[in-house]
Amino acid sequence: MEIFILAFFALGYLVLAGADIGVGMTLPYLGRSADERREVIAAIAPFFLGNEVWLVATAGVLAGLFPELEGELLSGNYSVVVALLMAWVVRDMGLWLRGRVPGRRWAGFWDGATVAGSWGLALSWGLLLSHVLLGIQGPIALLPALVVAALFATHGLTFAALRLRGVLRERAALLSGGSGGPVEGRTYALTAAALVAVGMLAGLRLPLHPGTAGSLLVPVILGLIPLLVAAQGWVWWTFRHRVTGPSYL
């Protein structure tokens, strides 16, 4: 049961947050003016904070149920984890601060931070997964990390195609042949399945030996999972329609 809980949160994060990371990575391609970028960011605005909860939950599950694995991942990938956290902060700063002061230069600077932070997140996850899957580190690990980053970007484009309208949707729907919603939905499902497959393959390579706290924590976590899923479902249902204008960001 402990392994199921860890997989649930980790794979959920890859699929859900992978979409907003991918949109951030492709922001210069999707939004070619300040107004267009505002609308592209509106596509992920209702979701990105909720998606990050899945990463926090994954870290909590690791610390509580798999303390030995947590120590191995952190000690063996310390620099990558630090880079990942820094990229996370930079990306979120870009999203939150871009609209706080009027002016295109201000917004453009923080849009750049959003793009850089999103790429940093994707490459950091790629390096971490490369180490787990292939056992490689150093400069050569950048090659598989770039493949993982490309998967994040593709996943983000498919999500943007489901959320945007007009010319922005057409740009995002390039991978779907510019077709309608059903085809875009299938393309999103394919990229989500690819991220799940990468995550599962990495999980099979990990020494998943639960700690002794499972008997206390597992019932609590199982009781919280329905609440988390219900909250996520409510957000997706509330914001299920395509973006019609800029968001609060």
Protein backbone atom coordinates (compact mmCIF):
# COMPACT_ATOMS: atom_id res chain seq x y z
CA MET A 1 0.00 0.00 0.00
CA GLU A 2 2.86 2.41 0.74
CA ILE A 3 4.22 1.92 -2.79
CA PHE A 4 0.80 2.59 -4.28
CA ILE A 5 0.51 5.84 -2.32
CA LEU A 6 3.94 7.03 -3.45
CA ALA A 7 3.20 6.15 -7.08
CA PHE A 8 -0.18 7.88 -6.92
CA PHE A 9 1.26 11.21 -5.82
CA ALA A 10 4.46 11.09 -7.90
CA LEU A 11 2.74 10.11 -11.15
CA GLY A 12 -0.09 12.54 -10.47
CA TYR A 13 2.45 15.33 -10.15
CA LEU A 14 4.20 14.42 -13.41
CA VAL A 15 0.94 14.46 -15.37
CA LEU A 16 -0.69 17.50 -13.79
CA ALA A 17 2.31 19.76 -13.18
CA GLY A 18 3.96 18.52 -16.36
CA ALA A 19 1.28 20.41 -18.26
CA ASP A 20 1.93 23.81 -16.67
CA ILE A 21 5.70 23.28 -16.82
CA GLY A 22 5.37 22.53 -20.54
CA VAL A 23 3.26 25.61 -21.16
CA GLY A 24 5.89 27.73 -19.42
CA MET A 25 8.62 26.16 -21.54
CA THR A 26 6.78 26.96 -24.79
CA LEU A 27 5.58 30.44 -23.74
CA PRO A 28 7.76 32.31 -26.31
CA TYR A 29 6.37 30.12 -29.11
CA LEU A 30 2.73 30.30 -28.01
CA GLY A 31 2.61 33.96 -26.97
CA ARG A 32 4.43 36.26 -29.38
CA SER A 33 3.26 39.50 -27.82
CA ALA A 34 2.68 40.66 -24.26
CA ASP A 35 -1.10 40.31 -24.61
CA GLU A 36 -0.81 36.83 -26.07
CA ARG A 37 1.50 35.73 -23.28
CA ARG A 38 -1.02 36.98 -20.72
CA GLU A 39 -3.67 34.79 -22.31
CA VAL A 40 -1.37 31.77 -22.48
CA ILE A 41 -0.53 32.13 -18.79
CA ALA A 42 -4.25 32.31 -18.07
CA ALA A 43 -4.49 28.74 -19.38
CA ILE A 44 -2.50 27.43 -16.40
CA ALA A 45 -3.35 30.09 -13.79
CA PRO A 46 -6.16 28.13 -12.07
CA PHE A 47 -4.14 24.93 -11.88
CA PHE A 48 -0.45 25.41 -11.17
CA LEU A 49 -0.69 25.96 -7.40
CA GLY A 50 -2.94 22.93 -6.96
CA ASN A 51 -0.59 20.86 -9.09
CA GLU A 52 2.32 21.76 -6.84
CA VAL A 53 0.46 20.24 -3.89
CA TRP A 54 1.10 16.84 -5.47
CA LEU A 55 4.87 17.43 -5.28
CA VAL A 56 4.63 18.53 -1.66
CA ALA A 57 2.58 15.41 -0.92
CA THR A 58 5.15 13.23 -2.72
CA ALA A 59 7.95 14.71 -0.60
CA GLY A 60 5.90 14.13 2.54
CA VAL A 61 5.22 10.50 1.59
CA LEU A 62 8.91 9.96 0.93
CA ALA A 63 9.90 11.43 4.28
CA GLY A 64 7.23 9.61 6.24
CA LEU A 65 6.99 6.22 4.54
CA PHE A 66 10.32 5.83 2.71
CA PRO A 67 12.95 7.65 4.80
CA GLU A 68 15.80 5.48 3.52
CA LEU A 69 14.90 6.16 -0.10
CA GLU A 70 14.53 9.87 0.61
CA GLY A 71 18.06 9.95 2.04
CA GLU A 72 19.49 8.12 -0.98
CA LEU A 73 17.76 10.38 -3.50
CA LEU A 74 18.82 13.58 -1.74
CA SER A 75 22.41 12.58 -0.99
CA GLY A 76 23.00 11.17 -4.45
CA ASN A 77 21.39 14.05 -6.33
CA TYR A 78 21.93 17.01 -4.03
CA SER A 79 22.90 19.52 -6.73
CA VAL A 80 20.01 18.46 -8.99
CA VAL A 81 17.48 18.78 -6.15
CA VAL A 82 18.81 22.26 -5.28
CA ALA A 83 18.58 23.30 -8.95
CA LEU A 84 15.05 21.92 -9.11
CA LEU A 85 13.95 23.92 -6.05
CA MET A 86 15.58 27.10 -7.37
CA ALA A 87 13.89 26.65 -10.75
CA TRP A 88 10.57 26.10 -8.97
CA VAL A 89 10.96 29.38 -7.07
CA VAL A 90 12.03 31.32 -10.18
CA ARG A 91 9.11 29.97 -12.23
CA ASP A 92 6.56 30.84 -9.56
CA MET A 93 8.09 34.29 -9.03
CA GLY A 94 7.70 34.91 -12.74
CA LEU A 95 4.03 33.92 -12.69
CA TRP A 96 3.18 35.93 -9.58
CA LEU A 97 5.19 39.09 -10.22
CA ARG A 98 4.66 39.70 -13.94
CA GLY A 99 1.43 41.62 -13.40
CA ARG A 100 2.28 43.40 -10.17
CA VAL A 101 3.81 46.49 -11.84
CA PRO A 102 2.54 48.01 -15.10
CA GLY A 103 4.94 48.10 -18.01
CA ARG A 104 5.98 45.76 -20.78
CA ARG A 105 9.62 45.58 -19.68
CA TRP A 106 8.59 44.43 -16.22
CA ALA A 107 6.22 41.82 -17.61
CA GLY A 108 8.78 40.74 -20.20
CA PHE A 109 11.46 40.21 -17.54
CA TRP A 110 9.19 37.99 -15.44
CA ASP A 111 7.94 36.15 -18.51
CA GLY A 112 11.60 35.31 -19.12
CA ALA A 113 11.84 34.09 -15.52
CA THR A 114 8.80 31.88 -16.10
CA VAL A 115 10.39 30.35 -19.20
CA ALA A 116 13.79 29.88 -17.55
CA GLY A 117 12.26 28.38 -14.41
CA SER A 118 10.07 26.03 -16.44
CA TRP A 119 13.06 24.80 -18.45
CA GLY A 120 15.02 24.45 -15.22
CA LEU A 121 12.27 22.31 -13.73
CA ALA A 122 12.01 20.10 -16.81
CA LEU A 123 15.77 19.59 -17.11
CA SER A 124 16.15 18.96 -13.38
CA TRP A 125 13.47 16.29 -13.49
CA GLY A 126 15.11 14.90 -16.60
CA LEU A 127 18.49 14.67 -14.87
CA LEU A 128 16.95 13.06 -11.79
CA LEU A 129 15.01 10.51 -13.85
CA SER A 130 18.12 9.85 -15.98
CA HIS A 131 20.10 9.03 -12.87
CA VAL A 132 17.40 6.72 -11.54
CA LEU A 133 16.63 5.01 -14.86
CA LEU A 134 20.06 4.81 -16.44
CA GLY A 135 22.42 5.31 -13.52
CA ILE A 136 24.29 8.09 -15.30
CA GLN A 137 25.36 11.50 -14.05
CA GLY A 138 27.48 14.34 -15.33
CA PRO A 139 27.35 16.03 -18.75
CA ILE A 140 26.26 12.88 -20.59
CA ALA A 141 23.07 12.81 -18.51
CA LEU A 142 21.98 15.96 -20.35
CA LEU A 143 21.05 13.90 -23.42
CA PRO A 144 18.28 11.83 -21.80
CA ALA A 145 17.35 14.87 -19.72
CA LEU A 146 16.66 16.80 -22.94
CA VAL A 147 14.40 13.96 -24.10
CA VAL A 148 12.41 14.20 -20.87
CA ALA A 149 12.27 17.99 -21.21
CA ALA A 150 10.94 17.62 -24.75
CA LEU A 151 8.22 15.33 -23.39
CA PHE A 152 7.26 18.01 -20.84
CA ALA A 153 7.10 20.63 -23.59
CA THR A 154 4.96 18.38 -25.78
CA HIS A 155 2.62 17.68 -22.90
CA GLY A 156 2.30 21.41 -22.27
CA LEU A 157 1.44 22.10 -25.90
CA THR A 158 -1.32 19.50 -25.86
CA PHE A 159 -2.73 21.02 -22.66
CA ALA A 160 -2.59 24.52 -24.16
CA ALA A 161 -4.46 23.24 -27.23
CA LEU A 162 -7.30 22.18 -24.94
CA ARG A 163 -7.40 25.50 -23.09
CA LEU A 164 -6.76 28.24 -25.66
CA ARG A 165 -8.76 29.68 -28.56
CA GLY A 166 -8.14 31.07 -32.01
CA VAL A 167 -4.59 31.52 -33.27
CA LEU A 168 -3.13 30.53 -29.90
CA ARG A 169 -4.97 27.22 -30.04
CA GLU A 170 -3.80 26.68 -33.61
CA ARG A 171 -0.18 27.13 -32.56
CA ALA A 172 -0.59 24.79 -29.63
CA ALA A 173 -2.51 22.23 -31.71
CA LEU A 174 0.38 21.73 -34.11
CA LEU A 175 0.94 18.23 -32.73
CA SER A 176 -2.76 17.43 -33.16
CA GLY A 177 -2.85 18.51 -36.78
CA GLY A 178 -4.90 21.59 -35.93
CA SER A 179 -7.91 19.36 -35.32
CA GLY A 180 -10.73 19.74 -32.85
CA GLY A 181 -11.15 18.95 -29.18
CA PRO A 182 -11.47 15.12 -29.35
CA VAL A 183 -8.17 14.73 -31.21
CA GLU A 184 -6.45 17.20 -28.88
CA GLY A 185 -7.80 15.26 -25.92
CA ARG A 186 -6.37 12.01 -27.28
CA THR A 187 -3.01 13.68 -27.87
CA TYR A 188 -3.02 14.95 -24.29
CA ALA A 189 -3.82 11.45 -23.06
CA LEU A 190 -0.88 10.06 -25.05
CA THR A 191 1.63 12.54 -23.62
CA ALA A 192 0.21 11.94 -20.12
CA ALA A 193 0.63 8.19 -20.63
CA ALA A 194 4.23 8.75 -21.75
CA LEU A 195 5.00 10.68 -18.56
CA VAL A 196 3.35 7.95 -16.48
CA ALA A 197 5.45 5.33 -18.26
CA VAL A 198 8.68 7.22 -17.57
CA GLY A 199 7.71 7.64 -13.93
CA MET A 200 6.77 3.98 -13.52
CA LEU A 201 10.00 2.78 -15.13
CA ALA A 202 11.96 5.00 -12.77
CA GLY A 203 9.95 3.70 -9.83
CA LEU A 204 10.76 0.11 -10.72
CA ARG A 205 14.47 0.97 -10.43
CA LEU A 206 14.15 2.41 -6.92
CA PRO A 207 14.75 0.45 -3.70
CA LEU A 208 11.20 0.78 -2.40
CA HIS A 209 11.50 -0.43 1.19
CA PRO A 210 8.87 1.21 3.43
CA GLY A 211 9.84 2.42 6.86
CA THR A 212 8.19 1.56 10.14
CA ALA A 213 5.73 4.46 10.27
CA GLY A 214 3.36 3.00 7.68
CA SER A 215 0.87 1.57 10.14
CA LEU A 216 0.28 5.07 11.54
CA LEU A 217 0.53 7.21 8.41
CA VAL A 218 -1.13 5.05 5.74
CA PRO A 219 -4.69 5.32 7.18
CA VAL A 220 -4.30 9.09 7.49
CA ILE A 221 -3.04 9.47 3.93
CA LEU A 222 -5.76 7.20 2.54
CA GLY A 223 -8.33 9.38 4.29
CA LEU A 224 -6.86 12.54 2.73
CA ILE A 225 -6.56 11.23 -0.84
CA PRO A 226 -10.32 11.48 -1.61
CA LEU A 227 -10.31 15.10 -0.41
CA LEU A 228 -7.35 15.95 -2.63
CA VAL A 229 -8.90 14.25 -5.66
CA ALA A 230 -12.25 15.95 -5.03
CA ALA A 231 -10.59 19.38 -4.77
CA GLN A 232 -8.60 18.78 -7.95
CA GLY A 233 -11.71 17.58 -9.76
CA TRP A 234 -13.66 20.65 -8.63
CA VAL A 235 -10.96 22.99 -9.96
CA TRP A 236 -10.84 21.21 -13.31
CA TRP A 237 -14.64 21.24 -13.61
CA THR A 238 -14.91 24.92 -12.64
CA PHE A 239 -12.28 25.97 -15.19
CA ARG A 240 -13.14 23.40 -17.87
CA HIS A 241 -13.94 26.02 -20.51
CA ARG A 242 -11.38 27.52 -22.86
CA VAL A 243 -9.63 30.72 -21.80
CA THR A 244 -11.45 33.89 -22.82
CA GLY A 245 -9.01 36.51 -21.51
CA PRO A 246 -6.20 37.31 -19.06
CA SER A 247 -6.23 35.84 -15.57
CA TYR A 248 -5.53 37.33 -12.15
CA LEU A 249 -1.81 36.74 -12.84
